[in-house]
Every structure is written in C-alpha cells, then in structure tokens.
C-alpha cells in the first residue's frame, strides 16, 4: 500500500489567522459611518460627545457631523419613531415627540407629574436666556424662584453650567438634554422664535 503524502498546510495568504482579540478593524468608510453611529447611540445610556464618536470610530469630527446630519434627515424624512437629539456637542437617540403619550403610557409615567405654570414659566426664561443666575431669573419673573429651581433641578430639566465671576460666585443655570426630551425638541434651535422686543 503506497504511503500517503503528508497533508500540506494551507498557504498563509488563504488562512484566516485573525481573531476578535487580535484583528484590527479597518478604517471606517463614510458610507457605513451613519450605521455605526446609530448603533452606538442606540446602546448608549446617555448623550455621547461628537469627539468621542470620532475617537471611537477613528475618523474626523467633520465626518461624524456629516453622518449625524444624514441620520437626522433620514429620521425626519422616513417618518421614523426615533429622532436624533443634540445638546451642544452631545447627541443621543430619542423617541419621536408624536409618540410621547404612548411611550409614557407604556412606561407607566404618571400624567400628574406635569410641571406647574410657575415651573414652565421659569423653564422658558432659562431656555431663552441661558445661562443665567437665580437673581437674573427673579428679576425677570418678579418672584422668589428657589422652590421652582429645586423642582427643575430634581426633574433634571436644568443644571448648573458654571459660576458667575462676581462676589458669591452664583451658579449659572442652563437646560439639559432631558429638557429637550420633555418638549420633544431635537435641539435648542427648534425653540419657537420670540418677538424681537422680548428677546
């Protein structure tokens, strides 16, 4: 019986020697960037900075901005149930505002937790004039705002965004990403324009 020939090893170029632990991902192509960003934002527990996305995907912030604009356009044009929401340099995926009542019902959100007229008025002042101090708020509203500020801070609709460089260094307040969700806005640019005399 003839001796069998030893089995030769596969040519190196045909072997898949890479593994998830050792393989280096190839540079991201512009065409796949929106898909990858969407996947990351889908699993993110909080808004993600544009710079972090660029770093993670090993691409430029300009490329990320273009991909984000494409995603935002796709969600609006496609009548999708999600929107791309932006606050400063941070972005996240949120449910469409027209679905709010159904999402609240599904999540068991208490409808009685609506804001009072005083809280809404204070929130409006902050939204349009941010950043501003408690004293600035009280000068506009003409009443003490301590209680309302505590409510808005507890609901995470506003947050301290800095301190004023003057005696006492009072906090400056601004709106949060949750504020955008509460009003169903994609960014602060979506706030209705005020008449010039009131700005």
N, C-alpha and C. Protein backbone atom coordinates (compact mmCIF):
# COMPACT_ATOMS: atom_id res chain seq x y z
N UNK A 1 0.87 -1.18 0.00
CA UNK A 1 0.00 0.00 0.00
C UNK A 1 0.90 1.23 0.00
N UNK A 2 0.66 2.15 -0.98
CA UNK A 2 1.54 3.31 -1.08
C UNK A 2 1.37 4.22 0.12
N UNK A 3 2.51 4.76 0.50
CA UNK A 3 2.49 5.67 1.66
C UNK A 3 1.82 6.97 1.27
N UNK A 4 0.86 7.41 2.08
CA UNK A 4 0.14 8.64 1.73
C UNK A 4 1.04 9.85 1.95
N UNK A 5 0.80 10.84 1.12
CA UNK A 5 1.59 12.06 1.22
C UNK A 5 1.09 12.88 2.41
N UNK A 6 2.00 13.55 3.09
CA UNK A 6 1.54 14.39 4.21
C UNK A 6 0.65 15.53 3.71
N UNK A 7 -0.33 15.87 4.53
CA UNK A 7 -1.23 16.98 4.17
C UNK A 7 -0.46 18.27 4.33
N UNK A 8 -0.43 19.03 3.26
CA UNK A 8 0.30 20.29 3.32
C UNK A 8 -0.55 21.36 3.98
N UNK A 9 0.10 22.26 4.65
CA UNK A 9 -0.62 23.37 5.29
C UNK A 9 -1.15 24.30 4.22
N UNK A 10 -2.26 24.96 4.53
CA UNK A 10 -2.82 25.93 3.60
C UNK A 10 -1.85 27.07 3.42
N UNK A 11 -1.82 27.66 2.24
CA UNK A 11 -0.96 28.83 2.05
C UNK A 11 -1.32 29.89 3.08
N UNK A 12 -0.31 30.59 3.54
CA UNK A 12 -0.53 31.60 4.58
C UNK A 12 -1.57 32.60 4.17
N UNK A 13 -1.57 33.00 2.88
CA UNK A 13 -2.50 34.04 2.47
C UNK A 13 -3.95 33.58 2.49
N UNK A 14 -4.20 32.25 2.48
CA UNK A 14 -5.58 31.77 2.49
C UNK A 14 -6.07 31.44 3.89
N UNK A 15 -5.18 31.51 4.88
CA UNK A 15 -5.59 31.21 6.23
C UNK A 15 -6.17 32.44 6.91
N UNK A 16 -7.23 32.23 7.71
CA UNK A 16 -7.79 33.33 8.49
C UNK A 16 -7.17 33.26 9.87
N UNK A 17 -6.06 33.93 10.04
CA UNK A 17 -5.35 33.87 11.31
C UNK A 17 -5.82 34.95 12.27
N UNK A 18 -6.73 35.79 11.79
CA UNK A 18 -7.21 36.86 12.68
C UNK A 18 -8.24 36.30 13.64
N UNK A 19 -8.36 36.95 14.75
CA UNK A 19 -9.37 36.59 15.74
C UNK A 19 -9.92 37.87 16.32
N UNK A 20 -11.10 37.81 16.95
CA UNK A 20 -11.64 39.04 17.53
C UNK A 20 -10.67 39.72 18.48
N UNK A 21 -9.81 38.93 19.12
CA UNK A 21 -8.89 39.53 20.09
C UNK A 21 -7.69 40.19 19.42
N UNK A 22 -7.31 39.69 18.21
CA UNK A 22 -6.10 40.20 17.59
C UNK A 22 -6.35 41.03 16.34
N UNK A 23 -7.53 40.88 15.69
CA UNK A 23 -7.79 41.57 14.44
C UNK A 23 -7.97 43.07 14.68
N UNK A 24 -7.41 43.91 13.85
CA UNK A 24 -7.57 45.36 13.93
C UNK A 24 -8.63 45.75 12.91
N UNK A 25 -9.64 46.43 13.35
CA UNK A 25 -10.69 46.85 12.43
C UNK A 25 -10.12 47.78 11.36
N UNK A 26 -10.66 47.67 10.17
CA UNK A 26 -10.23 48.54 9.09
C UNK A 26 -10.83 49.92 9.28
N UNK A 27 -10.25 50.96 8.68
CA UNK A 27 -10.82 52.31 8.81
C UNK A 27 -12.27 52.34 8.34
N UNK A 28 -13.07 53.13 9.02
CA UNK A 28 -14.50 53.20 8.72
C UNK A 28 -14.71 53.96 7.41
N UNK A 29 -15.52 53.38 6.54
CA UNK A 29 -15.86 54.05 5.29
C UNK A 29 -17.00 55.02 5.56
N UNK A 30 -17.02 56.10 4.81
CA UNK A 30 -18.05 57.14 5.01
C UNK A 30 -19.45 56.56 4.85
N UNK A 31 -19.62 55.58 3.95
CA UNK A 31 -20.94 55.01 3.71
C UNK A 31 -21.47 54.25 4.91
N UNK A 32 -20.59 53.67 5.71
CA UNK A 32 -21.04 52.89 6.86
C UNK A 32 -21.07 53.70 8.15
N UNK A 33 -20.56 54.91 8.12
CA UNK A 33 -20.46 55.73 9.32
C UNK A 33 -21.83 55.99 9.97
N UNK A 34 -22.87 56.38 9.22
CA UNK A 34 -24.17 56.58 9.87
C UNK A 34 -24.69 55.34 10.58
N UNK A 35 -24.49 54.18 9.98
CA UNK A 35 -24.94 52.92 10.58
C UNK A 35 -24.22 52.66 11.89
N UNK A 36 -22.91 52.86 11.90
CA UNK A 36 -22.13 52.61 13.11
C UNK A 36 -22.49 53.60 14.21
N UNK A 37 -22.67 54.86 13.84
CA UNK A 37 -23.05 55.88 14.84
C UNK A 37 -24.43 55.56 15.41
N UNK A 38 -25.36 55.17 14.56
CA UNK A 38 -26.70 54.82 15.01
C UNK A 38 -26.65 53.67 16.01
N UNK A 39 -25.83 52.67 15.73
CA UNK A 39 -25.70 51.52 16.63
C UNK A 39 -25.14 51.93 17.98
N UNK A 40 -24.15 52.78 17.97
CA UNK A 40 -23.54 53.24 19.23
C UNK A 40 -24.54 54.05 20.04
N UNK A 41 -25.22 54.98 19.38
CA UNK A 41 -26.19 55.82 20.10
C UNK A 41 -27.36 54.99 20.62
N UNK A 42 -27.70 53.93 19.90
CA UNK A 42 -28.82 53.07 20.32
C UNK A 42 -28.53 52.40 21.66
N UNK A 43 -27.28 52.02 21.89
CA UNK A 43 -26.94 51.32 23.13
C UNK A 43 -26.41 52.26 24.22
N UNK A 44 -26.17 53.53 23.87
CA UNK A 44 -25.61 54.48 24.84
C UNK A 44 -26.67 54.83 25.89
N UNK A 45 -26.24 54.85 27.15
CA UNK A 45 -27.16 55.16 28.24
C UNK A 45 -27.36 56.66 28.42
N UNK A 46 -26.51 57.46 27.80
CA UNK A 46 -26.59 58.91 27.94
C UNK A 46 -26.05 59.56 26.68
N UNK A 47 -26.26 60.86 26.51
CA UNK A 47 -25.76 61.53 25.30
C UNK A 47 -24.25 61.33 25.13
N UNK A 48 -23.83 61.21 23.87
CA UNK A 48 -22.42 60.94 23.55
C UNK A 48 -21.82 62.16 22.84
N UNK A 49 -20.62 62.54 23.24
CA UNK A 49 -19.94 63.68 22.62
C UNK A 49 -19.50 63.32 21.21
N UNK A 50 -19.61 64.30 20.30
CA UNK A 50 -19.19 64.09 18.91
C UNK A 50 -17.71 63.69 18.87
N UNK A 51 -16.89 64.32 19.69
CA UNK A 51 -15.47 63.99 19.73
C UNK A 51 -15.23 62.55 20.14
N UNK A 52 -16.04 62.05 21.06
CA UNK A 52 -15.92 60.64 21.49
C UNK A 52 -16.26 59.70 20.35
N UNK A 53 -17.31 60.02 19.58
CA UNK A 53 -17.67 59.20 18.42
C UNK A 53 -16.53 59.17 17.41
N UNK A 54 -15.94 60.34 17.14
CA UNK A 54 -14.84 60.42 16.19
C UNK A 54 -13.65 59.59 16.66
N UNK A 55 -13.35 59.69 17.95
CA UNK A 55 -12.24 58.92 18.51
C UNK A 55 -12.50 57.42 18.41
N UNK A 56 -13.70 57.01 18.79
CA UNK A 56 -14.07 55.60 18.77
C UNK A 56 -14.02 55.01 17.37
N UNK A 57 -14.50 55.79 16.39
CA UNK A 57 -14.59 55.31 15.02
C UNK A 57 -13.34 55.65 14.20
N UNK A 58 -12.35 56.27 14.85
CA UNK A 58 -11.09 56.63 14.21
C UNK A 58 -11.31 57.41 12.92
N UNK A 59 -12.10 58.47 13.06
CA UNK A 59 -12.38 59.33 11.93
C UNK A 59 -12.42 60.77 12.42
N UNK A 60 -12.63 61.70 11.53
CA UNK A 60 -12.65 63.11 11.91
C UNK A 60 -14.01 63.52 12.46
N UNK A 61 -14.01 64.60 13.26
CA UNK A 61 -15.28 65.12 13.76
C UNK A 61 -16.14 65.63 12.62
N UNK A 62 -15.50 66.15 11.56
CA UNK A 62 -16.26 66.63 10.39
C UNK A 62 -17.04 65.47 9.75
N UNK A 63 -16.39 64.30 9.65
CA UNK A 63 -17.06 63.13 9.06
C UNK A 63 -18.22 62.69 9.94
N UNK A 64 -18.04 62.76 11.26
CA UNK A 64 -19.11 62.39 12.19
C UNK A 64 -20.27 63.37 12.05
N UNK A 65 -19.98 64.66 11.93
CA UNK A 65 -21.03 65.68 11.78
C UNK A 65 -21.85 65.43 10.51
N UNK A 66 -21.18 65.08 9.42
CA UNK A 66 -21.88 64.79 8.16
C UNK A 66 -22.79 63.58 8.34
N UNK A 67 -22.27 62.54 8.99
CA UNK A 67 -23.06 61.33 9.22
C UNK A 67 -24.25 61.61 10.12
N UNK A 68 -24.07 62.45 11.15
CA UNK A 68 -25.17 62.81 12.04
C UNK A 68 -26.25 63.58 11.29
N UNK A 69 -25.84 64.48 10.41
CA UNK A 69 -26.82 65.23 9.60
C UNK A 69 -27.60 64.28 8.70
N UNK A 70 -26.91 63.29 8.13
CA UNK A 70 -27.58 62.28 7.29
C UNK A 70 -28.60 61.50 8.10
N UNK A 71 -28.21 61.10 9.32
CA UNK A 71 -29.13 60.35 10.19
C UNK A 71 -30.35 61.18 10.54
N UNK A 72 -30.13 62.44 10.93
CA UNK A 72 -31.24 63.32 11.31
C UNK A 72 -32.21 63.49 10.14
N UNK A 73 -31.67 63.70 8.94
CA UNK A 73 -32.52 63.83 7.75
C UNK A 73 -33.31 62.55 7.48
N UNK A 74 -32.65 61.41 7.64
CA UNK A 74 -33.30 60.13 7.39
C UNK A 74 -34.46 59.90 8.36
N UNK A 75 -34.26 60.23 9.64
CA UNK A 75 -35.32 60.04 10.62
C UNK A 75 -36.52 60.93 10.32
N UNK A 76 -36.25 62.19 9.96
CA UNK A 76 -37.36 63.11 9.68
C UNK A 76 -38.09 62.73 8.41
N UNK A 77 -37.35 62.42 7.36
CA UNK A 77 -37.97 62.12 6.07
C UNK A 77 -38.67 60.78 6.06
N UNK A 78 -38.17 59.83 6.84
CA UNK A 78 -38.71 58.48 6.81
C UNK A 78 -39.84 58.23 7.78
N UNK A 79 -40.29 59.27 8.48
CA UNK A 79 -41.36 59.12 9.47
C UNK A 79 -41.05 58.00 10.45
N UNK A 80 -39.84 58.02 10.95
CA UNK A 80 -39.38 57.00 11.89
C UNK A 80 -39.82 57.34 13.30
N UNK A 81 -39.77 56.36 14.17
CA UNK A 81 -40.20 56.55 15.55
C UNK A 81 -39.13 57.10 16.46
N UNK A 82 -37.96 57.40 15.91
CA UNK A 82 -36.89 57.97 16.72
C UNK A 82 -36.37 59.24 16.06
N UNK A 83 -35.71 60.06 16.85
CA UNK A 83 -35.11 61.30 16.37
C UNK A 83 -33.70 61.39 16.93
N UNK A 84 -32.88 62.16 16.25
CA UNK A 84 -31.54 62.46 16.74
C UNK A 84 -31.63 63.78 17.48
N UNK A 85 -31.29 63.75 18.75
CA UNK A 85 -31.39 64.95 19.59
C UNK A 85 -29.99 65.44 19.94
N UNK A 86 -29.82 66.77 19.93
CA UNK A 86 -28.50 67.33 20.17
C UNK A 86 -28.56 68.44 21.20
N UNK A 87 -27.62 68.40 22.15
CA UNK A 87 -27.46 69.46 23.14
C UNK A 87 -25.97 69.78 23.17
N UNK A 88 -25.60 70.94 22.60
CA UNK A 88 -24.19 71.29 22.49
C UNK A 88 -23.46 70.31 21.59
N UNK A 89 -22.39 69.70 22.10
CA UNK A 89 -21.64 68.75 21.28
C UNK A 89 -22.02 67.31 21.59
N UNK A 90 -23.13 67.10 22.30
CA UNK A 90 -23.56 65.74 22.65
C UNK A 90 -24.84 65.38 21.91
N UNK A 91 -24.92 64.12 21.49
CA UNK A 91 -26.07 63.63 20.72
C UNK A 91 -26.60 62.35 21.33
N UNK A 92 -27.89 62.10 21.08
CA UNK A 92 -28.50 60.85 21.53
C UNK A 92 -29.73 60.56 20.68
N UNK A 93 -30.20 59.33 20.75
CA UNK A 93 -31.43 58.94 20.08
C UNK A 93 -32.57 59.04 21.09
N UNK A 94 -33.71 59.60 20.64
CA UNK A 94 -34.89 59.73 21.50
C UNK A 94 -36.12 59.34 20.69
N UNK A 95 -37.21 59.08 21.40
CA UNK A 95 -38.45 58.74 20.70
C UNK A 95 -39.06 59.99 20.06
N UNK A 96 -39.82 59.78 19.00
CA UNK A 96 -40.45 60.89 18.28
C UNK A 96 -41.48 61.58 19.18
N UNK A 97 -41.56 62.92 19.13
CA UNK A 97 -42.48 63.62 20.03
C UNK A 97 -43.94 63.23 19.85
N UNK A 98 -44.33 62.87 18.63
CA UNK A 98 -45.73 62.49 18.40
C UNK A 98 -46.10 61.17 19.07
N UNK A 99 -45.09 60.41 19.50
CA UNK A 99 -45.35 59.15 20.18
C UNK A 99 -45.29 59.30 21.70
N UNK A 100 -45.10 60.52 22.19
CA UNK A 100 -44.86 60.74 23.62
C UNK A 100 -45.93 60.14 24.52
N UNK A 101 -47.20 60.38 24.21
CA UNK A 101 -48.26 59.90 25.11
C UNK A 101 -48.29 58.37 25.16
N UNK A 102 -47.99 57.71 24.05
CA UNK A 102 -48.00 56.25 24.01
C UNK A 102 -46.79 55.68 24.75
N UNK A 103 -45.64 56.34 24.59
CA UNK A 103 -44.44 55.90 25.30
C UNK A 103 -44.64 56.08 26.80
N UNK A 104 -45.22 57.22 27.21
CA UNK A 104 -45.48 57.45 28.63
C UNK A 104 -46.42 56.39 29.18
N UNK A 105 -47.45 56.03 28.41
CA UNK A 105 -48.39 55.00 28.86
C UNK A 105 -47.69 53.66 29.00
N UNK A 106 -46.84 53.32 28.02
CA UNK A 106 -46.10 52.06 28.06
C UNK A 106 -45.17 52.01 29.27
N UNK A 107 -44.50 53.13 29.57
CA UNK A 107 -43.55 53.18 30.67
C UNK A 107 -44.22 53.42 32.02
N UNK A 108 -45.51 53.69 32.00
CA UNK A 108 -46.23 53.95 33.25
C UNK A 108 -45.88 55.28 33.87
N UNK A 109 -45.57 56.27 33.03
CA UNK A 109 -45.23 57.60 33.54
C UNK A 109 -46.49 58.27 34.06
N UNK A 110 -46.42 58.82 35.25
CA UNK A 110 -47.57 59.47 35.88
C UNK A 110 -47.88 60.78 35.17
N UNK A 111 -49.09 60.85 34.60
CA UNK A 111 -49.50 62.07 33.90
C UNK A 111 -49.63 63.25 34.86
N UNK A 112 -49.78 62.95 36.16
CA UNK A 112 -49.92 64.02 37.14
C UNK A 112 -48.60 64.72 37.44
N UNK A 113 -47.51 64.21 36.84
CA UNK A 113 -46.20 64.79 37.13
C UNK A 113 -45.87 65.97 36.22
N UNK A 114 -46.89 66.54 35.59
CA UNK A 114 -46.67 67.69 34.72
C UNK A 114 -46.17 68.87 35.54
N UNK A 115 -45.47 69.76 34.88
CA UNK A 115 -44.94 70.94 35.57
C UNK A 115 -46.03 71.97 35.81
N UNK A 116 -45.87 72.72 36.90
CA UNK A 116 -46.80 73.79 37.22
C UNK A 116 -46.57 74.97 36.28
N UNK A 117 -47.55 75.87 36.16
CA UNK A 117 -47.34 77.07 35.32
C UNK A 117 -46.10 77.88 35.75
N UNK A 118 -45.84 77.98 37.04
CA UNK A 118 -44.67 78.72 37.52
C UNK A 118 -43.38 78.04 37.08
N UNK A 119 -43.36 76.70 37.13
CA UNK A 119 -42.17 75.97 36.71
C UNK A 119 -41.97 76.10 35.21
N UNK A 120 -43.06 76.04 34.45
CA UNK A 120 -42.95 76.19 33.00
C UNK A 120 -42.46 77.59 32.62
N UNK A 121 -42.95 78.59 33.34
CA UNK A 121 -42.52 79.97 33.06
C UNK A 121 -41.03 80.13 33.35
N UNK A 122 -40.60 79.59 34.48
CA UNK A 122 -39.18 79.66 34.84
C UNK A 122 -38.33 78.91 33.84
N UNK A 123 -38.79 77.73 33.44
CA UNK A 123 -38.06 76.93 32.46
C UNK A 123 -37.94 77.66 31.13
N UNK A 124 -39.00 78.36 30.75
CA UNK A 124 -38.98 79.13 29.50
C UNK A 124 -37.94 80.25 29.55
N UNK A 125 -37.90 80.95 30.68
CA UNK A 125 -36.92 82.04 30.83
C UNK A 125 -35.50 81.48 30.71
N UNK A 126 -35.25 80.36 31.39
CA UNK A 126 -33.91 79.76 31.33
C UNK A 126 -33.59 79.31 29.90
N UNK A 127 -34.56 78.70 29.24
CA UNK A 127 -34.32 78.18 27.89
C UNK A 127 -33.92 79.29 26.92
N UNK A 128 -34.57 80.44 27.02
CA UNK A 128 -34.31 81.51 26.07
C UNK A 128 -33.15 82.43 26.47
N UNK A 129 -32.85 82.50 27.76
CA UNK A 129 -31.83 83.46 28.19
C UNK A 129 -30.60 82.80 28.80
N UNK A 130 -30.50 81.50 28.74
CA UNK A 130 -29.38 80.79 29.37
C UNK A 130 -28.03 81.19 28.79
N UNK A 131 -26.99 81.15 29.64
CA UNK A 131 -27.03 80.83 31.07
C UNK A 131 -27.38 82.06 31.90
N UNK A 132 -28.07 81.85 33.02
CA UNK A 132 -28.40 82.97 33.90
C UNK A 132 -28.49 82.50 35.34
N UNK A 133 -28.38 83.45 36.26
CA UNK A 133 -28.38 83.14 37.69
C UNK A 133 -29.80 83.18 38.26
N UNK A 134 -29.92 82.72 39.51
CA UNK A 134 -31.22 82.80 40.20
C UNK A 134 -31.66 84.25 40.29
N UNK A 135 -30.73 85.17 40.58
CA UNK A 135 -31.09 86.59 40.68
C UNK A 135 -31.61 87.11 39.34
N UNK A 136 -30.99 86.67 38.24
CA UNK A 136 -31.48 87.07 36.91
C UNK A 136 -32.90 86.58 36.69
N UNK A 137 -33.15 85.33 37.09
CA UNK A 137 -34.50 84.75 36.95
C UNK A 137 -35.52 85.55 37.74
N UNK A 138 -35.16 85.86 38.98
CA UNK A 138 -36.09 86.58 39.84
C UNK A 138 -36.33 88.00 39.35
N UNK A 139 -35.34 88.58 38.70
CA UNK A 139 -35.52 89.92 38.13
C UNK A 139 -36.52 89.88 36.98
N UNK A 140 -36.50 88.79 36.19
CA UNK A 140 -37.43 88.65 35.07
C UNK A 140 -38.83 88.31 35.57
N UNK A 141 -38.93 87.35 36.51
CA UNK A 141 -40.24 86.87 36.96
C UNK A 141 -40.84 87.74 38.06
N UNK A 142 -40.01 88.44 38.83
CA UNK A 142 -40.52 89.29 39.90
C UNK A 142 -40.93 88.55 41.15
N UNK A 143 -40.55 87.27 41.27
CA UNK A 143 -40.87 86.48 42.46
C UNK A 143 -39.68 85.61 42.82
N UNK A 144 -39.68 85.09 44.06
CA UNK A 144 -38.64 84.18 44.50
C UNK A 144 -38.74 82.87 43.71
N UNK A 145 -37.59 82.38 43.25
CA UNK A 145 -37.58 81.20 42.39
C UNK A 145 -36.92 79.98 43.03
N UNK A 146 -36.61 80.05 44.33
CA UNK A 146 -35.90 78.94 44.98
C UNK A 146 -36.62 77.60 44.82
N UNK A 147 -37.90 77.57 45.16
CA UNK A 147 -38.67 76.32 45.10
C UNK A 147 -38.78 75.77 43.70
N UNK A 148 -39.04 76.65 42.75
CA UNK A 148 -39.18 76.22 41.35
C UNK A 148 -37.85 75.70 40.82
N UNK A 149 -36.75 76.37 41.18
CA UNK A 149 -35.43 75.91 40.74
C UNK A 149 -35.14 74.51 41.29
N UNK A 150 -35.50 74.28 42.56
CA UNK A 150 -35.30 72.94 43.14
C UNK A 150 -36.08 71.89 42.37
N UNK A 151 -37.31 72.22 42.00
CA UNK A 151 -38.13 71.28 41.24
C UNK A 151 -37.50 70.97 39.88
N UNK A 152 -37.07 72.01 39.18
CA UNK A 152 -36.49 71.83 37.84
C UNK A 152 -35.17 71.07 37.91
N UNK A 153 -34.38 71.33 38.96
CA UNK A 153 -33.13 70.58 39.15
C UNK A 153 -33.42 69.12 39.46
N UNK A 154 -34.42 68.87 40.31
CA UNK A 154 -34.77 67.49 40.67
C UNK A 154 -35.28 66.71 39.47
N UNK A 155 -35.99 67.40 38.58
CA UNK A 155 -36.51 66.74 37.37
C UNK A 155 -35.46 66.66 36.26
N UNK A 156 -34.26 67.19 36.53
CA UNK A 156 -33.13 67.18 35.60
C UNK A 156 -33.46 67.90 34.28
N UNK A 157 -34.27 68.96 34.40
CA UNK A 157 -34.59 69.78 33.24
C UNK A 157 -33.62 70.95 33.10
N UNK A 158 -33.00 71.32 34.21
CA UNK A 158 -31.95 72.35 34.20
C UNK A 158 -30.77 71.82 35.00
N UNK A 159 -29.62 72.48 34.84
CA UNK A 159 -28.42 72.09 35.57
C UNK A 159 -27.51 73.30 35.71
N UNK A 160 -26.65 73.31 36.71
CA UNK A 160 -25.64 74.37 36.80
C UNK A 160 -24.65 74.19 35.64
N UNK A 161 -24.36 75.27 34.94
CA UNK A 161 -23.44 75.18 33.80
C UNK A 161 -22.19 76.03 34.03
N UNK A 162 -22.06 76.59 35.23
CA UNK A 162 -20.91 77.41 35.55
C UNK A 162 -21.22 78.32 36.72
N UNK A 163 -20.29 79.23 37.00
CA UNK A 163 -20.49 80.21 38.07
C UNK A 163 -20.15 81.60 37.53
N UNK A 164 -20.89 82.58 38.00
CA UNK A 164 -20.65 83.95 37.61
C UNK A 164 -19.45 84.50 38.39
N UNK A 165 -18.56 85.16 37.68
CA UNK A 165 -17.36 85.71 38.34
C UNK A 165 -17.70 87.05 39.00
N UNK A 166 -18.32 86.95 40.17
CA UNK A 166 -18.65 88.11 40.99
C UNK A 166 -18.74 87.63 42.43
N UNK A 167 -18.82 88.53 43.40
CA UNK A 167 -18.88 88.10 44.80
C UNK A 167 -19.98 87.07 45.02
N UNK A 168 -19.62 86.01 45.75
CA UNK A 168 -20.57 84.93 46.00
C UNK A 168 -20.57 83.86 44.93
N UNK A 169 -20.01 84.18 43.76
CA UNK A 169 -19.93 83.26 42.61
C UNK A 169 -21.22 82.43 42.44
N UNK A 170 -22.35 83.10 42.14
CA UNK A 170 -23.62 82.36 42.00
C UNK A 170 -23.58 81.43 40.79
N UNK A 171 -24.38 80.35 40.89
CA UNK A 171 -24.48 79.39 39.80
C UNK A 171 -25.17 80.02 38.60
N UNK A 172 -24.71 79.63 37.43
CA UNK A 172 -25.40 79.93 36.17
C UNK A 172 -26.16 78.66 35.77
N UNK A 173 -27.41 78.82 35.36
CA UNK A 173 -28.24 77.67 35.01
C UNK A 173 -28.51 77.62 33.51
N UNK A 174 -28.60 76.39 33.01
CA UNK A 174 -28.95 76.15 31.61
C UNK A 174 -29.81 74.91 31.53
N UNK A 175 -30.37 74.66 30.38
CA UNK A 175 -31.23 73.49 30.19
C UNK A 175 -30.38 72.24 29.91
N UNK A 176 -31.01 71.09 30.04
CA UNK A 176 -30.36 69.80 29.85
C UNK A 176 -30.91 69.07 28.63
N UNK A 177 -30.32 67.93 28.33
CA UNK A 177 -30.84 67.09 27.25
C UNK A 177 -32.25 66.59 27.61
N UNK A 178 -32.50 66.36 28.90
CA UNK A 178 -33.84 65.92 29.30
C UNK A 178 -34.89 67.00 29.03
N UNK A 179 -34.49 68.27 29.12
CA UNK A 179 -35.39 69.37 28.76
C UNK A 179 -35.83 69.22 27.31
N UNK A 180 -34.88 68.92 26.42
CA UNK A 180 -35.22 68.73 25.01
C UNK A 180 -36.20 67.57 24.85
N UNK A 181 -35.97 66.48 25.58
CA UNK A 181 -36.89 65.34 25.52
C UNK A 181 -38.27 65.73 26.01
N UNK A 182 -38.31 66.49 27.11
CA UNK A 182 -39.59 66.88 27.71
C UNK A 182 -40.44 67.67 26.73
N UNK A 183 -39.80 68.54 25.95
CA UNK A 183 -40.54 69.36 24.99
C UNK A 183 -40.58 68.76 23.58
N UNK A 184 -39.94 67.61 23.39
CA UNK A 184 -39.95 66.97 22.07
C UNK A 184 -39.15 67.73 21.04
N UNK A 185 -38.04 68.34 21.46
CA UNK A 185 -37.19 69.11 20.55
C UNK A 185 -35.95 68.32 20.20
N UNK A 186 -35.42 68.56 19.00
CA UNK A 186 -34.16 67.93 18.62
C UNK A 186 -32.97 68.75 19.08
N UNK A 187 -33.13 70.07 19.16
CA UNK A 187 -32.06 70.94 19.65
C UNK A 187 -32.68 72.25 20.10
N UNK A 188 -31.88 73.09 20.76
CA UNK A 188 -32.38 74.39 21.20
C UNK A 188 -32.76 75.28 20.03
N UNK A 189 -32.19 75.00 18.86
CA UNK A 189 -32.53 75.78 17.66
C UNK A 189 -34.00 75.59 17.26
N UNK A 190 -34.66 74.54 17.77
CA UNK A 190 -36.06 74.27 17.45
C UNK A 190 -37.03 75.05 18.34
N UNK A 191 -36.50 75.79 19.33
CA UNK A 191 -37.41 76.61 20.16
C UNK A 191 -38.08 77.66 19.28
N UNK A 192 -39.36 77.94 19.50
CA UNK A 192 -40.03 78.99 18.72
C UNK A 192 -39.33 80.32 18.89
N UNK A 193 -39.29 81.12 17.84
CA UNK A 193 -38.66 82.44 17.90
C UNK A 193 -39.53 83.38 18.71
N UNK A 194 -38.89 84.17 19.57
CA UNK A 194 -39.61 85.19 20.33
C UNK A 194 -39.64 86.49 19.53
N UNK A 195 -40.67 87.32 19.74
CA UNK A 195 -40.65 88.64 19.10
C UNK A 195 -39.40 89.41 19.55
N UNK A 196 -38.84 90.18 18.66
CA UNK A 196 -37.57 90.89 18.94
C UNK A 196 -37.62 91.70 20.23
N UNK A 197 -38.75 92.32 20.53
CA UNK A 197 -38.85 93.18 21.70
C UNK A 197 -38.70 92.42 23.00
N UNK A 198 -39.03 91.08 22.96
CA UNK A 198 -38.99 90.28 24.16
C UNK A 198 -37.72 89.48 24.33
N UNK A 199 -36.85 89.48 23.34
CA UNK A 199 -35.65 88.65 23.40
C UNK A 199 -34.63 89.27 24.36
